[in-house]
Structure formats: structure tokens, C-alpha cells
Amino acid sequence: MTTPDTKAGTTKVDPKLLEILVCPVTKGPLDYDAAAQELISKQAGLAYPIRNGIPIMLADEARALDADGK
């Protein structure tokens, strides 16, 4: 569901996976931030990390977004 991007040294998330995954807190949609390797829930104000190509969909592992949504 994720593929390595050897040029950028990051992992690309399959768009079909993004259609399926939702925020575990709000059940709302997620946005993919390729540079930060995170899935962003604007509704919850949380950023879920992607580690070794695996989205970590645990609220305890998520980073709180600041007021700018970053």
C-alpha cells in the first residue's frame, strides 16, 4: 500500500489507501503530507506519522498541529 520513492528518500502512500483510511478520533478524511511523512487530520488537529511505510493510526502516537495547521 506504500511504495518507496528512492529519489526523495521517502515513501509514497497509495491513493486508494488514503480513500480507505480515516482519522480514528473524528472518522474524518486525512491529507497526506509527503515531506513530513504524516497523515493529517484537520478536524482533530492531529498528524499521524508514517514509519517505514506504515501509517501509525494511534491517537497517542499523533502529533498535535499548531494553530497554523502545521
N, C-alpha and C. Protein backbone atom coordinates (compact mmCIF):
# COMPACT_ATOMS: atom_id res chain seq x y z
N MET A 1 0.81 -1.20 0.00
CA MET A 1 0.00 0.00 0.00
C MET A 1 0.85 1.26 0.00
N THR A 2 2.12 1.11 0.33
CA THR A 2 3.04 2.23 0.20
C THR A 2 4.19 1.79 -0.68
N THR A 3 4.78 2.74 -1.39
CA THR A 3 5.90 2.41 -2.26
C THR A 3 7.04 3.36 -1.97
N PRO A 4 8.27 2.83 -1.92
CA PRO A 4 9.41 3.72 -1.65
C PRO A 4 9.67 4.64 -2.81
N ASP A 5 10.04 5.86 -2.52
CA ASP A 5 10.44 6.84 -3.52
C ASP A 5 11.94 7.04 -3.33
N THR A 6 12.72 6.29 -4.09
CA THR A 6 14.16 6.28 -3.88
C THR A 6 14.80 7.64 -4.17
N LYS A 7 14.23 8.43 -5.04
CA LYS A 7 14.79 9.75 -5.35
C LYS A 7 14.67 10.69 -4.15
N ALA A 8 13.53 10.68 -3.51
CA ALA A 8 13.29 11.59 -2.39
C ALA A 8 13.66 10.97 -1.05
N GLY A 9 13.85 9.66 -1.01
CA GLY A 9 14.15 9.00 0.25
C GLY A 9 12.95 8.91 1.17
N THR A 10 11.76 8.98 0.59
CA THR A 10 10.53 8.91 1.37
C THR A 10 9.67 7.78 0.84
N THR A 11 8.48 7.67 1.38
CA THR A 11 7.53 6.65 0.95
C THR A 11 6.28 7.34 0.43
N LYS A 12 5.77 6.86 -0.70
CA LYS A 12 4.51 7.39 -1.24
C LYS A 12 3.37 6.51 -0.75
N VAL A 13 2.29 7.14 -0.34
CA VAL A 13 1.11 6.40 0.11
C VAL A 13 0.19 6.20 -1.08
N ASP A 14 -0.28 4.98 -1.23
CA ASP A 14 -1.21 4.63 -2.31
C ASP A 14 -2.48 5.46 -2.15
N PRO A 15 -2.91 6.17 -3.20
CA PRO A 15 -4.14 6.97 -3.11
C PRO A 15 -5.37 6.15 -2.70
N LYS A 16 -5.41 4.89 -3.08
CA LYS A 16 -6.55 4.04 -2.68
C LYS A 16 -6.55 3.81 -1.18
N LEU A 17 -5.37 3.73 -0.58
CA LEU A 17 -5.28 3.58 0.87
C LEU A 17 -5.82 4.84 1.55
N LEU A 18 -5.50 6.01 0.99
CA LEU A 18 -6.00 7.26 1.56
C LEU A 18 -7.51 7.36 1.49
N GLU A 19 -8.11 6.73 0.49
CA GLU A 19 -9.57 6.73 0.39
C GLU A 19 -10.20 5.90 1.51
N ILE A 20 -9.48 4.89 1.99
CA ILE A 20 -10.00 3.97 3.00
C ILE A 20 -9.73 4.47 4.42
N LEU A 21 -8.52 4.98 4.64
CA LEU A 21 -8.14 5.40 5.99
C LEU A 21 -8.90 6.65 6.42
N VAL A 22 -9.28 6.69 7.67
CA VAL A 22 -9.91 7.87 8.27
C VAL A 22 -9.26 8.12 9.62
N CYS A 23 -9.43 9.30 10.13
CA CYS A 23 -8.92 9.64 11.45
C CYS A 23 -9.62 8.77 12.48
N PRO A 24 -8.88 8.10 13.35
CA PRO A 24 -9.53 7.26 14.36
C PRO A 24 -10.29 8.06 15.42
N VAL A 25 -10.01 9.34 15.53
CA VAL A 25 -10.68 10.18 16.52
C VAL A 25 -11.99 10.74 15.97
N THR A 26 -11.94 11.33 14.76
CA THR A 26 -13.12 12.01 14.20
C THR A 26 -13.83 11.21 13.12
N LYS A 27 -13.16 10.19 12.61
CA LYS A 27 -13.66 9.40 11.46
C LYS A 27 -13.71 10.24 10.20
N GLY A 28 -13.00 11.37 10.20
CA GLY A 28 -12.95 12.26 9.05
C GLY A 28 -11.80 11.92 8.12
N PRO A 29 -11.73 12.62 6.98
CA PRO A 29 -10.69 12.34 5.98
C PRO A 29 -9.31 12.78 6.45
N LEU A 30 -8.30 12.21 5.79
CA LEU A 30 -6.91 12.52 6.10
C LEU A 30 -6.23 13.08 4.85
N ASP A 31 -5.30 13.99 5.05
CA ASP A 31 -4.48 14.53 3.97
C ASP A 31 -3.07 13.99 4.15
N TYR A 32 -2.41 13.68 3.04
CA TYR A 32 -1.06 13.14 3.06
C TYR A 32 -0.04 14.25 2.91
N ASP A 33 0.86 14.36 3.87
CA ASP A 33 1.97 15.31 3.81
C ASP A 33 3.23 14.50 3.51
N ALA A 34 3.63 14.48 2.24
CA ALA A 34 4.77 13.65 1.81
C ALA A 34 6.08 14.13 2.43
N ALA A 35 6.25 15.43 2.56
CA ALA A 35 7.50 15.97 3.10
C ALA A 35 7.70 15.56 4.56
N ALA A 36 6.63 15.60 5.34
CA ALA A 36 6.71 15.25 6.76
C ALA A 36 6.46 13.77 7.03
N GLN A 37 6.02 13.04 5.99
CA GLN A 37 5.65 11.63 6.14
C GLN A 37 4.60 11.48 7.26
N GLU A 38 3.50 12.21 7.09
CA GLU A 38 2.40 12.20 8.05
C GLU A 38 1.06 12.20 7.33
N LEU A 39 0.06 11.66 8.00
CA LEU A 39 -1.32 11.78 7.56
C LEU A 39 -1.97 12.80 8.49
N ILE A 40 -2.55 13.83 7.91
CA ILE A 40 -3.07 14.97 8.66
C ILE A 40 -4.58 14.91 8.79
N SER A 41 -5.06 15.04 10.03
CA SER A 41 -6.49 15.18 10.29
C SER A 41 -6.73 16.63 10.70
N LYS A 42 -7.26 17.42 9.77
CA LYS A 42 -7.52 18.82 10.07
C LYS A 42 -8.61 18.96 11.13
N GLN A 43 -9.60 18.05 11.09
CA GLN A 43 -10.71 18.11 12.05
C GLN A 43 -10.21 17.88 13.48
N ALA A 44 -9.32 16.93 13.66
CA ALA A 44 -8.82 16.61 15.00
C ALA A 44 -7.61 17.45 15.38
N GLY A 45 -6.98 18.08 14.38
CA GLY A 45 -5.76 18.83 14.64
C GLY A 45 -4.60 17.93 14.99
N LEU A 46 -4.55 16.75 14.33
CA LEU A 46 -3.51 15.76 14.62
C LEU A 46 -2.80 15.34 13.34
N ALA A 47 -1.53 14.97 13.49
CA ALA A 47 -0.73 14.44 12.39
C ALA A 47 -0.25 13.05 12.79
N TYR A 48 -0.67 12.05 12.03
CA TYR A 48 -0.30 10.66 12.31
C TYR A 48 0.96 10.31 11.52
N PRO A 49 1.99 9.80 12.18
CA PRO A 49 3.25 9.52 11.49
C PRO A 49 3.16 8.30 10.58
N ILE A 50 4.02 8.30 9.57
CA ILE A 50 4.20 7.13 8.72
C ILE A 50 5.62 6.67 8.97
N ARG A 51 5.77 5.46 9.49
CA ARG A 51 7.09 4.92 9.82
C ARG A 51 7.35 3.67 8.99
N ASN A 52 8.45 3.67 8.28
CA ASN A 52 8.82 2.53 7.43
C ASN A 52 7.68 2.16 6.48
N GLY A 53 6.97 3.18 6.00
CA GLY A 53 5.89 2.95 5.05
C GLY A 53 4.57 2.53 5.68
N ILE A 54 4.50 2.51 7.01
CA ILE A 54 3.29 2.07 7.70
C ILE A 54 2.66 3.25 8.44
N PRO A 55 1.42 3.62 8.10
CA PRO A 55 0.73 4.68 8.84
C PRO A 55 0.43 4.21 10.27
N ILE A 56 0.84 5.00 11.25
CA ILE A 56 0.60 4.69 12.66
C ILE A 56 -0.65 5.45 13.08
N MET A 57 -1.78 4.75 13.08
CA MET A 57 -3.08 5.39 13.29
C MET A 57 -3.52 5.30 14.75
N LEU A 58 -2.65 5.72 15.65
CA LEU A 58 -2.94 5.73 17.08
C LEU A 58 -2.90 7.18 17.56
N ALA A 59 -3.95 7.60 18.24
CA ALA A 59 -4.02 8.98 18.74
C ALA A 59 -2.85 9.29 19.67
N ASP A 60 -2.41 8.30 20.43
CA ASP A 60 -1.29 8.51 21.36
C ASP A 60 0.03 8.76 20.62
N GLU A 61 0.13 8.30 19.39
CA GLU A 61 1.34 8.48 18.59
C GLU A 61 1.28 9.73 17.72
N ALA A 62 0.11 10.35 17.62
CA ALA A 62 -0.08 11.50 16.75
C ALA A 62 0.52 12.76 17.36
N ARG A 63 0.91 13.66 16.48
CA ARG A 63 1.46 14.95 16.88
C ARG A 63 0.34 15.99 16.76
N ALA A 64 0.21 16.83 17.78
CA ALA A 64 -0.79 17.90 17.72
C ALA A 64 -0.32 18.98 16.77
N LEU A 65 -1.22 19.44 15.90
CA LEU A 65 -0.90 20.52 14.98
C LEU A 65 -0.98 21.86 15.70
N ASP A 66 -0.17 22.81 15.25
CA ASP A 66 -0.24 24.14 15.85
C ASP A 66 -1.40 24.92 15.23
N ALA A 67 -1.55 26.17 15.60
CA ALA A 67 -2.68 26.98 15.13
C ALA A 67 -2.68 27.16 13.61
N ASP A 68 -1.50 27.07 12.99
CA ASP A 68 -1.39 27.21 11.54
C ASP A 68 -1.68 25.91 10.81
N GLY A 69 -1.94 24.85 11.55
CA GLY A 69 -2.19 23.55 10.93
C GLY A 69 -0.93 22.85 10.49
N LYS A 70 0.19 23.22 11.07
CA LYS A 70 1.48 22.62 10.72
C LYS A 70 2.03 21.81 11.87
